C-alpha atoms as a PDB file:
ATOM      1  CA  MET A   1     -13.149 -14.188   3.885  1.00  0.00           C
ATOM      2  CA  ALA A   2      -9.410 -13.668   4.315  1.00  0.00           C
ATOM      3  CA  VAL A   3      -8.017 -10.130   4.362  1.00  0.00           C
ATOM      4  CA  GLY A   4      -4.600  -9.540   2.833  1.00  0.00           C
ATOM      5  CA  ILE A   5      -2.324  -6.856   4.244  1.00  0.00           C
ATOM      6  CA  ILE A   6       0.692  -5.792   2.208  1.00  0.00           C
ATOM      7  CA  GLY A   7       3.278  -3.812   4.089  1.00  0.00           C
ATOM      8  CA  GLY A   8       6.061  -4.008   6.624  1.00  0.00           C
ATOM      9  CA  THR A   9       6.537  -6.947   8.953  1.00  0.00           C
ATOM     10  CA  GLY A  10       5.966  -4.698  11.969  1.00  0.00           C
ATOM     11  CA  LEU A  11       2.276  -4.789  11.180  1.00  0.00           C
ATOM     12  CA  THR A  12       2.053  -8.284  12.627  1.00  0.00           C
ATOM     13  CA  ARG A  13       1.972  -6.479  15.979  1.00  0.00           C
ATOM     14  CA  LEU A  14      -1.788  -6.031  16.244  1.00  0.00           C
ATOM     15  CA  ASP A  15      -3.556  -6.322  19.587  1.00  0.00           C
ATOM     16  CA  GLY A  16      -5.307  -9.673  19.798  1.00  0.00           C
ATOM     17  CA  LEU A  17      -3.737 -11.075  16.619  1.00  0.00           C
ATOM     18  CA  THR A  18      -2.762 -14.731  16.769  1.00  0.00           C
ATOM     19  CA  ILE A  19      -0.077 -15.825  14.292  1.00  0.00           C
ATOM     20  CA  GLU A  20      -0.869 -19.354  13.103  1.00  0.00           C
ATOM     21  CA  ARG A  21       1.758 -20.194  10.508  1.00  0.00           C
ATOM     22  CA  GLU A  22       4.204 -18.938   7.885  1.00  0.00           C
ATOM     23  CA  GLU A  23       4.186 -20.415   4.411  1.00  0.00           C
ATOM     24  CA  ALA A  24       6.627 -20.029   1.505  1.00  0.00           C
ATOM     25  CA  VAL A  25       4.701 -20.140  -1.769  1.00  0.00           C
ATOM     26  CA  THR A  26       5.443 -19.894  -5.473  1.00  0.00           C
ATOM     27  CA  THR A  27       3.300 -18.624  -8.319  1.00  0.00           C
ATOM     28  CA  ARG A  28       3.369 -18.773 -12.109  1.00  0.00           C
ATOM     29  CA  TRP A  29       5.052 -15.346 -11.933  1.00  0.00           C
ATOM     30  CA  GLY A  30       7.766 -16.496  -9.556  1.00  0.00           C
ATOM     31  CA  GLU A  31       8.161 -16.114  -5.814  1.00  0.00           C
ATOM     32  CA  PRO A  32       6.530 -13.281  -3.844  1.00  0.00           C
ATOM     33  CA  SER A  33       8.650 -10.908  -1.792  1.00  0.00           C
ATOM     34  CA  ALA A  34       8.445 -13.027   1.362  1.00  0.00           C
ATOM     35  CA  PRO A  35       6.656 -16.018   2.868  1.00  0.00           C
ATOM     36  CA  LEU A  36       2.987 -15.409   3.654  1.00  0.00           C
ATOM     37  CA  VAL A  37       2.203 -15.007   7.347  1.00  0.00           C
ATOM     38  CA  PHE A  38      -1.221 -16.320   8.356  1.00  0.00           C
ATOM     39  CA  GLY A  39      -2.961 -15.051  11.458  1.00  0.00           C
ATOM     40  CA  ARG A  40      -6.379 -14.526  12.973  1.00  0.00           C
ATOM     41  CA  LEU A  41      -8.008 -11.659  14.851  1.00  0.00           C
ATOM     42  CA  GLY A  42     -11.391 -12.662  16.171  1.00  0.00           C
ATOM     43  CA  ASP A  43     -13.192 -14.410  13.328  1.00  0.00           C
ATOM     44  CA  THR A  44     -11.127 -12.743  10.599  1.00  0.00           C
ATOM     45  CA  GLU A  45      -8.317 -14.587   8.840  1.00  0.00           C
ATOM     46  CA  VAL A  46      -5.417 -12.289   7.999  1.00  0.00           C
ATOM     47  CA  VAL A  47      -2.610 -12.895   5.506  1.00  0.00           C
ATOM     48  CA  PHE A  48       0.436 -10.621   5.753  1.00  0.00           C
ATOM     49  CA  LEU A  49       2.964 -10.086   2.985  1.00  0.00           C
ATOM     50  CA  ALA A  50       6.107  -7.987   3.466  1.00  0.00           C
ATOM     51  CA  ARG A  51       6.295  -6.065   0.197  1.00  0.00           C
ATOM     52  CA  HIS A  52      10.035  -5.429   0.405  1.00  0.00           C
ATOM     53  CA  GLY A  53      10.931  -8.800   1.882  1.00  0.00           C
ATOM     54  CA  ASN A  54      11.830  -9.842   5.403  1.00  0.00           C
ATOM     55  CA  PRO A  55      14.337  -8.459   6.117  1.00  0.00           C
ATOM     56  CA  HIS A  56      13.566  -5.290   4.155  1.00  0.00           C
ATOM     57  CA  ARG A  57      15.833  -5.731   1.117  1.00  0.00           C
ATOM     58  CA  ILE A  58      13.886  -5.394  -2.162  1.00  0.00           C
ATOM     59  CA  PRO A  59      13.798  -1.878  -3.671  1.00  0.00           C
ATOM     60  CA  PRO A  60      10.443  -0.699  -5.051  1.00  0.00           C
ATOM     61  CA  HIS A  61      11.381  -1.043  -8.719  1.00  0.00           C
ATOM     62  CA  LYS A  62      12.470  -4.662  -8.133  1.00  0.00           C
ATOM     63  CA  VAL A  63       9.393  -5.908  -6.261  1.00  0.00           C
ATOM     64  CA  ASN A  64       7.687  -8.818  -8.046  1.00  0.00           C
ATOM     65  CA  TYR A  65       4.237  -7.235  -7.865  1.00  0.00           C
ATOM     66  CA  ARG A  66       2.641  -9.911 -10.047  1.00  0.00           C
ATOM     67  CA  ALA A  67       3.830 -12.716  -7.775  1.00  0.00           C
ATOM     68  CA  ASN A  68       2.718 -10.818  -4.660  1.00  0.00           C
ATOM     69  CA  ILE A  69      -0.832 -10.261  -5.904  1.00  0.00           C
ATOM     70  CA  GLN A  70      -1.083 -13.753  -7.387  1.00  0.00           C
ATOM     71  CA  ALA A  71       0.087 -15.337  -4.121  1.00  0.00           C
ATOM     72  CA  LEU A  72      -2.619 -13.543  -2.140  1.00  0.00           C
ATOM     73  CA  LYS A  73      -5.303 -14.503  -4.643  1.00  0.00           C
ATOM     74  CA  ASP A  74      -4.157 -18.126  -4.700  1.00  0.00           C
ATOM     75  CA  VAL A  75      -4.655 -18.511  -0.923  1.00  0.00           C
ATOM     76  CA  GLY A  76      -8.180 -17.104  -1.034  1.00  0.00           C
ATOM     77  CA  VAL A  77      -7.680 -13.440  -0.185  1.00  0.00           C
ATOM     78  CA  GLU A  78     -10.464 -11.244  -1.573  1.00  0.00           C
ATOM     79  CA  ARG A  79      -9.736  -7.878   0.083  1.00  0.00           C
ATOM     80  CA  VAL A  80      -6.273  -6.305   0.152  1.00  0.00           C
ATOM     81  CA  ILE A  81      -5.133  -3.405   2.316  1.00  0.00           C
ATOM     82  CA  ALA A  82      -1.859  -1.911   1.096  1.00  0.00           C
ATOM     83  CA  VAL A  83       0.105  -0.047   3.768  1.00  0.00           C
ATOM     84  CA  ALA A  84       2.784   2.283   2.464  1.00  0.00           C
ATOM     85  CA  ALA A  85       5.041   5.103   3.625  1.00  0.00           C
ATOM     86  CA  VAL A  86       4.747   8.171   1.400  1.00  0.00           C
ATOM     87  CA  GLY A  87       5.885  11.763   1.089  1.00  0.00           C
ATOM     88  CA  GLY A  88       3.451  14.617   1.612  1.00  0.00           C
ATOM     89  CA  ILE A  89       2.786  17.274  -1.017  1.00  0.00           C
ATOM     90  CA  THR A  90      -0.379  19.152  -0.061  1.00  0.00           C
ATOM     91  CA  GLU A  91      -1.319  20.785   3.229  1.00  0.00           C
ATOM     92  CA  ARG A  92      -3.603  17.964   4.352  1.00  0.00           C
ATOM     93  CA  ALA A  93      -0.795  15.435   3.866  1.00  0.00           C
ATOM     94  CA  GLY A  94       1.638  16.504   6.573  1.00  0.00           C
ATOM     95  CA  PRO A  95       4.057  14.175   8.365  1.00  0.00           C
ATOM     96  CA  SER A  96       2.401  11.289  10.307  1.00  0.00           C
ATOM     97  CA  ALA A  97      -0.950  11.843   8.562  1.00  0.00           C
ATOM     98  CA  VAL A  98      -2.815   8.769   7.293  1.00  0.00           C
ATOM     99  CA  LEU A  99      -4.519   9.092   3.922  1.00  0.00           C
ATOM    100  CA  ILE A 100      -6.926   6.688   2.250  1.00  0.00           C
ATOM    101  CA  PRO A 101      -6.440   7.818  -1.369  1.00  0.00           C
ATOM    102  CA  ASP A 102      -9.084   7.508  -4.061  1.00  0.00           C
ATOM    103  CA  GLN A 103      -6.953   8.207  -7.153  1.00  0.00           C
ATOM    104  CA  ILE A 104      -3.491   7.411  -8.477  1.00  0.00           C
ATOM    105  CA  ILE A 105      -1.213   8.696 -11.247  1.00  0.00           C
ATOM    106  CA  ASP A 106       1.433   6.328 -12.562  1.00  0.00           C
ATOM    107  CA  TYR A 107       4.889   7.806 -13.262  1.00  0.00           C
ATOM    108  CA  THR A 108       6.705   4.464 -13.154  1.00  0.00           C
ATOM    109  CA  TYR A 109       8.360   2.767 -16.122  1.00  0.00           C
ATOM    110  CA  GLY A 110       9.842  -0.580 -17.054  1.00  0.00           C
ATOM    111  CA  ARG A 111       7.919  -2.594 -14.468  1.00  0.00           C
ATOM    112  CA  ALA A 112       5.981  -5.776 -15.223  1.00  0.00           C
ATOM    113  CA  MET A 113       2.581  -4.146 -15.011  1.00  0.00           C
ATOM    114  CA  THR A 114      -0.076  -6.605 -16.188  1.00  0.00           C
ATOM    115  CA  PHE A 115      -1.146 -10.238 -16.086  1.00  0.00           C
ATOM    116  CA  PHE A 116      -2.531  -9.911 -19.612  1.00  0.00           C
ATOM    117  CA  GLU A 117       0.347  -9.819 -22.082  1.00  0.00           C
ATOM    118  CA  ASP A 118       1.218 -13.266 -23.499  1.00  0.00           C
ATOM    119  CA  ASP A 119      -0.742 -16.221 -24.932  1.00  0.00           C
ATOM    120  CA  LEU A 120      -4.064 -14.383 -24.804  1.00  0.00           C
ATOM    121  CA  ASP A 121      -7.274 -15.456 -26.477  1.00  0.00           C
ATOM    122  CA  GLU A 122      -8.256 -11.792 -26.633  1.00  0.00           C
ATOM    123  CA  VAL A 123      -6.933  -8.403 -25.539  1.00  0.00           C
ATOM    124  CA  VAL A 124      -8.068  -7.484 -22.020  1.00  0.00           C
ATOM    125  CA  HIS A 125      -8.714  -3.920 -20.819  1.00  0.00           C
ATOM    126  CA  ILE A 126      -9.736  -3.288 -17.208  1.00  0.00           C
ATOM    127  CA  ASP A 127     -11.800  -0.290 -16.052  1.00  0.00           C
ATOM    128  CA  PHE A 128      -9.415   1.669 -13.830  1.00  0.00           C
ATOM    129  CA  SER A 129     -11.391   4.907 -13.583  1.00  0.00           C
ATOM    130  CA  TRP A 130     -11.541   4.532  -9.797  1.00  0.00           C
ATOM    131  CA  PRO A 131      -8.439   2.515  -8.878  1.00  0.00           C
ATOM    132  CA  TYR A 132      -9.318   1.842  -5.251  1.00  0.00           C
ATOM    133  CA  CYS A 133     -12.241  -0.279  -4.039  1.00  0.00           C
ATOM    134  CA  ALA A 134     -14.949   2.128  -2.837  1.00  0.00           C
ATOM    135  CA  GLU A 135     -16.444  -0.394  -0.411  1.00  0.00           C
ATOM    136  CA  LEU A 136     -13.114  -1.148   1.254  1.00  0.00           C
ATOM    137  CA  ARG A 137     -12.225   2.543   1.444  1.00  0.00           C
ATOM    138  CA  ALA A 138     -15.533   3.246   3.197  1.00  0.00           C
ATOM    139  CA  ASP A 139     -14.944   0.419   5.676  1.00  0.00           C
ATOM    140  CA  LEU A 140     -11.446   1.715   6.467  1.00  0.00           C
ATOM    141  CA  LEU A 141     -12.770   5.236   7.021  1.00  0.00           C
ATOM    142  CA  THR A 142     -15.423   3.861   9.371  1.00  0.00           C
ATOM    143  CA  ALA A 143     -12.766   1.889  11.252  1.00  0.00           C
ATOM    144  CA  ALA A 144     -10.598   5.009  11.512  1.00  0.00           C
ATOM    145  CA  ALA A 145     -13.488   7.003  12.989  1.00  0.00           C
ATOM    146  CA  ARG A 146     -14.194   4.248  15.538  1.00  0.00           C
ATOM    147  CA  ALA A 147     -10.507   4.151  16.437  1.00  0.00           C
ATOM    148  CA  GLY A 148     -10.414   7.911  16.938  1.00  0.00           C
ATOM    149  CA  VAL A 149      -7.974   8.388  14.072  1.00  0.00           C
ATOM    150  CA  ASP A 150      -8.468  11.437  11.854  1.00  0.00           C
ATOM    151  CA  ALA A 151      -7.706   9.730   8.536  1.00  0.00           C
ATOM    152  CA  VAL A 152      -7.850  11.857   5.393  1.00  0.00           C
ATOM    153  CA  ASP A 153     -10.646  10.769   3.045  1.00  0.00           C
ATOM    154  CA  GLY A 154      -9.351  10.749  -0.523  1.00  0.00           C
ATOM    155  CA  GLY A 155      -6.318  12.100  -2.274  1.00  0.00           C
ATOM    156  CA  VAL A 156      -4.170  11.448  -5.324  1.00  0.00           C
ATOM    157  CA  TYR A 157      -1.207   9.106  -4.956  1.00  0.00           C
ATOM    158  CA  ALA A 158       1.719   9.784  -7.300  1.00  0.00           C
ATOM    159  CA  ALA A 159       3.558   6.517  -8.018  1.00  0.00           C
ATOM    160  CA  THR A 160       7.184   7.250  -8.910  1.00  0.00           C
ATOM    161  CA  GLN A 161       9.951   4.905  -9.995  1.00  0.00           C
ATOM    162  CA  GLY A 162      12.476   5.222  -7.186  1.00  0.00           C
ATOM    163  CA  PRO A 163      14.532   4.105  -5.491  1.00  0.00           C
ATOM    164  CA  ARG A 164      15.851   7.658  -5.205  1.00  0.00           C
ATOM    165  CA  LEU A 165      13.702  10.372  -3.697  1.00  0.00           C
ATOM    166  CA  GLU A 166      12.308  13.091  -5.944  1.00  0.00           C
ATOM    167  CA  THR A 167      13.843  16.463  -6.742  1.00  0.00           C
ATOM    168  CA  ALA A 168      12.141  19.665  -5.605  1.00  0.00           C
ATOM    169  CA  ALA A 169      11.240  20.382  -9.245  1.00  0.00           C
ATOM    170  CA  GLU A 170       9.635  16.953  -9.597  1.00  0.00           C
ATOM    171  CA  ILE A 171       7.551  17.540  -6.472  1.00  0.00           C
ATOM    172  CA  ARG A 172       6.385  20.896  -7.923  1.00  0.00           C
ATOM    173  CA  ARG A 173       5.375  19.042 -11.079  1.00  0.00           C
ATOM    174  CA  LEU A 174       3.435  16.451  -9.052  1.00  0.00           C
ATOM    175  CA  ALA A 175       1.693  19.250  -7.154  1.00  0.00           C
ATOM    176  CA  ASN A 176       0.742  20.894 -10.455  1.00  0.00           C
ATOM    177  CA  ASP A 177      -0.644  17.527 -11.602  1.00  0.00           C
ATOM    178  CA  GLY A 178      -2.945  17.465  -8.572  1.00  0.00           C
ATOM    179  CA  CYS A 179      -1.084  14.878  -6.460  1.00  0.00           C
ATOM    180  CA  ASP A 180      -1.348  14.895  -2.663  1.00  0.00           C
ATOM    181  CA  ILE A 181       1.191  12.218  -1.784  1.00  0.00           C
ATOM    182  CA  VAL A 182       4.106  10.482  -3.479  1.00  0.00           C
ATOM    183  CA  GLY A 183       5.262   6.892  -3.109  1.00  0.00           C
ATOM    184  CA  MET A 184       7.094   4.204  -5.066  1.00  0.00           C
ATOM    185  CA  THR A 185       4.934   1.085  -4.670  1.00  0.00           C
ATOM    186  CA  GLY A 186       1.376   2.089  -5.592  1.00  0.00           C
ATOM    187  CA  MET A 187       1.750   0.909  -9.173  1.00  0.00           C
ATOM    188  CA  PRO A 188       1.459  -1.585 -10.686  1.00  0.00           C
ATOM    189  CA  GLU A 189       0.194  -3.095  -7.418  1.00  0.00           C
ATOM    190  CA  ALA A 190      -3.219  -1.395  -7.601  1.00  0.00           C
ATOM    191  CA  ALA A 191      -3.772  -2.249 -11.272  1.00  0.00           C
ATOM    192  CA  LEU A 192      -2.762  -5.881 -10.797  1.00  0.00           C
ATOM    193  CA  ALA A 193      -5.195  -6.205  -7.900  1.00  0.00           C
ATOM    194  CA  ARG A 194      -7.948  -4.913 -10.164  1.00  0.00           C
ATOM    195  CA  GLU A 195      -6.955  -7.378 -12.904  1.00  0.00           C
ATOM    196  CA  ALA A 196      -7.071 -10.188 -10.337  1.00  0.00           C
ATOM    197  CA  GLY A 197     -10.553  -9.177  -9.197  1.00  0.00           C
ATOM    198  CA  LEU A 198      -9.420  -8.204  -5.700  1.00  0.00           C
ATOM    199  CA  CYS A 199     -10.927  -5.376  -3.646  1.00  0.00           C
ATOM    200  CA  TYR A 200      -7.880  -3.165  -2.972  1.00  0.00           C
ATOM    201  CA  ALA A 201      -7.340   0.017  -0.958  1.00  0.00           C
ATOM    202  CA  SER A 202      -4.397   1.870   0.532  1.00  0.00           C
ATOM    203  CA  LEU A 203      -3.506   3.151   3.979  1.00  0.00           C
ATOM    204  CA  SER A 204      -0.799   5.694   3.154  1.00  0.00           C
ATOM    205  CA  VAL A 205       1.314   7.028   6.023  1.00  0.00           C
ATOM    206  CA  VAL A 206       3.123  10.313   5.417  1.00  0.00           C
ATOM    207  CA  ALA A 207       6.735   9.973   6.569  1.00  0.00           C
ATOM    208  CA  ASN A 208       8.015  13.389   5.463  1.00  0.00           C
ATOM    209  CA  TRP A 209       7.272  16.405   3.306  1.00  0.00           C
ATOM    210  CA  GLY A 210       8.250  16.015  -0.329  1.00  0.00           C
ATOM    211  CA  ALA A 211      11.450  17.712  -1.474  1.00  0.00           C
ATOM    212  CA  GLY A 212      11.223  21.494  -1.422  1.00  0.00           C
ATOM    213  CA  ILE A 213       7.894  21.647   0.468  1.00  0.00           C
ATOM    214  CA  SER A 214       9.677  22.423   3.722  1.00  0.00           C
ATOM    215  CA  ASP A 215      12.942  24.270   4.283  1.00  0.00           C
ATOM    216  CA  ALA A 216      14.043  21.578   6.717  1.00  0.00           C
ATOM    217  CA  GLU A 217      16.479  18.869   5.655  1.00  0.00           C
ATOM    218  CA  ILE A 218      14.933  15.405   5.263  1.00  0.00           C
ATOM    219  CA  THR A 219      16.651  13.137   7.825  1.00  0.00           C
ATOM    220  CA  MET A 220      16.131   9.451   8.596  1.00  0.00           C
ATOM    221  CA  ALA A 221      15.606  10.312  12.269  1.00  0.00           C
ATOM    222  CA  ASP A 222      12.668  12.576  11.398  1.00  0.00           C
ATOM    223  CA  ILE A 223      11.245  10.004   8.987  1.00  0.00           C
ATOM    224  CA  GLU A 224      11.460   7.212  11.561  1.00  0.00           C
ATOM    225  CA  ARG A 225       9.780   9.354  14.218  1.00  0.00           C
ATOM    226  CA  GLU A 226       6.857  10.326  11.973  1.00  0.00           C
ATOM    227  CA  LEU A 227       6.496   6.754  10.724  1.00  0.00           C
ATOM    228  CA  GLU A 228       6.301   5.451  14.283  1.00  0.00           C
ATOM    229  CA  THR A 229       3.424   7.844  15.003  1.00  0.00           C
ATOM    230  CA  GLY A 230       1.694   7.149  11.686  1.00  0.00           C
ATOM    231  CA  MET A 231       2.033   3.375  11.915  1.00  0.00           C
ATOM    232  CA  ALA A 232       0.517   3.401  15.403  1.00  0.00           C
ATOM    233  CA  ARG A 233      -2.541   5.051  13.825  1.00  0.00           C
ATOM    234  CA  VAL A 234      -2.561   2.451  11.044  1.00  0.00           C
ATOM    235  CA  ARG A 235      -2.484  -0.377  13.576  1.00  0.00           C
ATOM    236  CA  ALA A 236      -5.416   1.168  15.429  1.00  0.00           C
ATOM    237  CA  ILE A 237      -7.399   1.388  12.182  1.00  0.00           C
ATOM    238  CA  LEU A 238      -6.597  -2.195  11.216  1.00  0.00           C
ATOM    239  CA  GLU A 239      -7.551  -3.544  14.637  1.00  0.00           C
ATOM    240  CA  ARG A 240     -10.964  -1.840  14.432  1.00  0.00           C
ATOM    241  CA  PHE A 241     -11.419  -2.955  10.829  1.00  0.00           C
ATOM    242  CA  LEU A 242     -10.596  -6.591  11.497  1.00  0.00           C
ATOM    243  CA  MET A 243     -12.825  -6.766  14.582  1.00  0.00           C
ATOM    244  CA  ALA A 244     -15.861  -5.277  12.790  1.00  0.00           C
END
């Protein structure tokens, strides 16, 4: 059973991973963000997709989420791990922390958000009460424990429109809504995966505190440093997960 990983191209650097081929594909929704990269770690087939393209060029509100999810489904992926950089809001979501969220609130607008909108035989409603696959979340938490990574179990992901970062007032609003982290790619990706019948979970890496949480200025140097630490933890989790 192939495992799909959506995230940055740097995640192809996994210990023991053999890259087998790269394939440009098309779907009925258009082209995905980048060619699919096929690899293998042990007995597990892995399919990587760079969400923002390779090189990184597609802003979050312009990602063709439908094509990305459809492309993974079309090549036989059944489980999808979405890796994303996020901002931290609550105390347990400090810089370089890795969260495996269990809920999401959608603040995006104007994005193509469903497969079920035209030429339908009937209206389709999916159950999205628990947006992340419980089985996959549990497996990722087990892998994190085996890798010695203190991943945070649960949390609410706030999906905002971007591409700008949020104001301090907006972060206060998200905190009041019960959100732990904020990112720009969680929706409609999670909902489309559910519509496609894929088991989907997120590894969210905190790159910085949300606006106004800390008195410090948000700089790219700080973000890159925290991401480097957080992504090393993500790679350790993925290596344990794929070798299980």
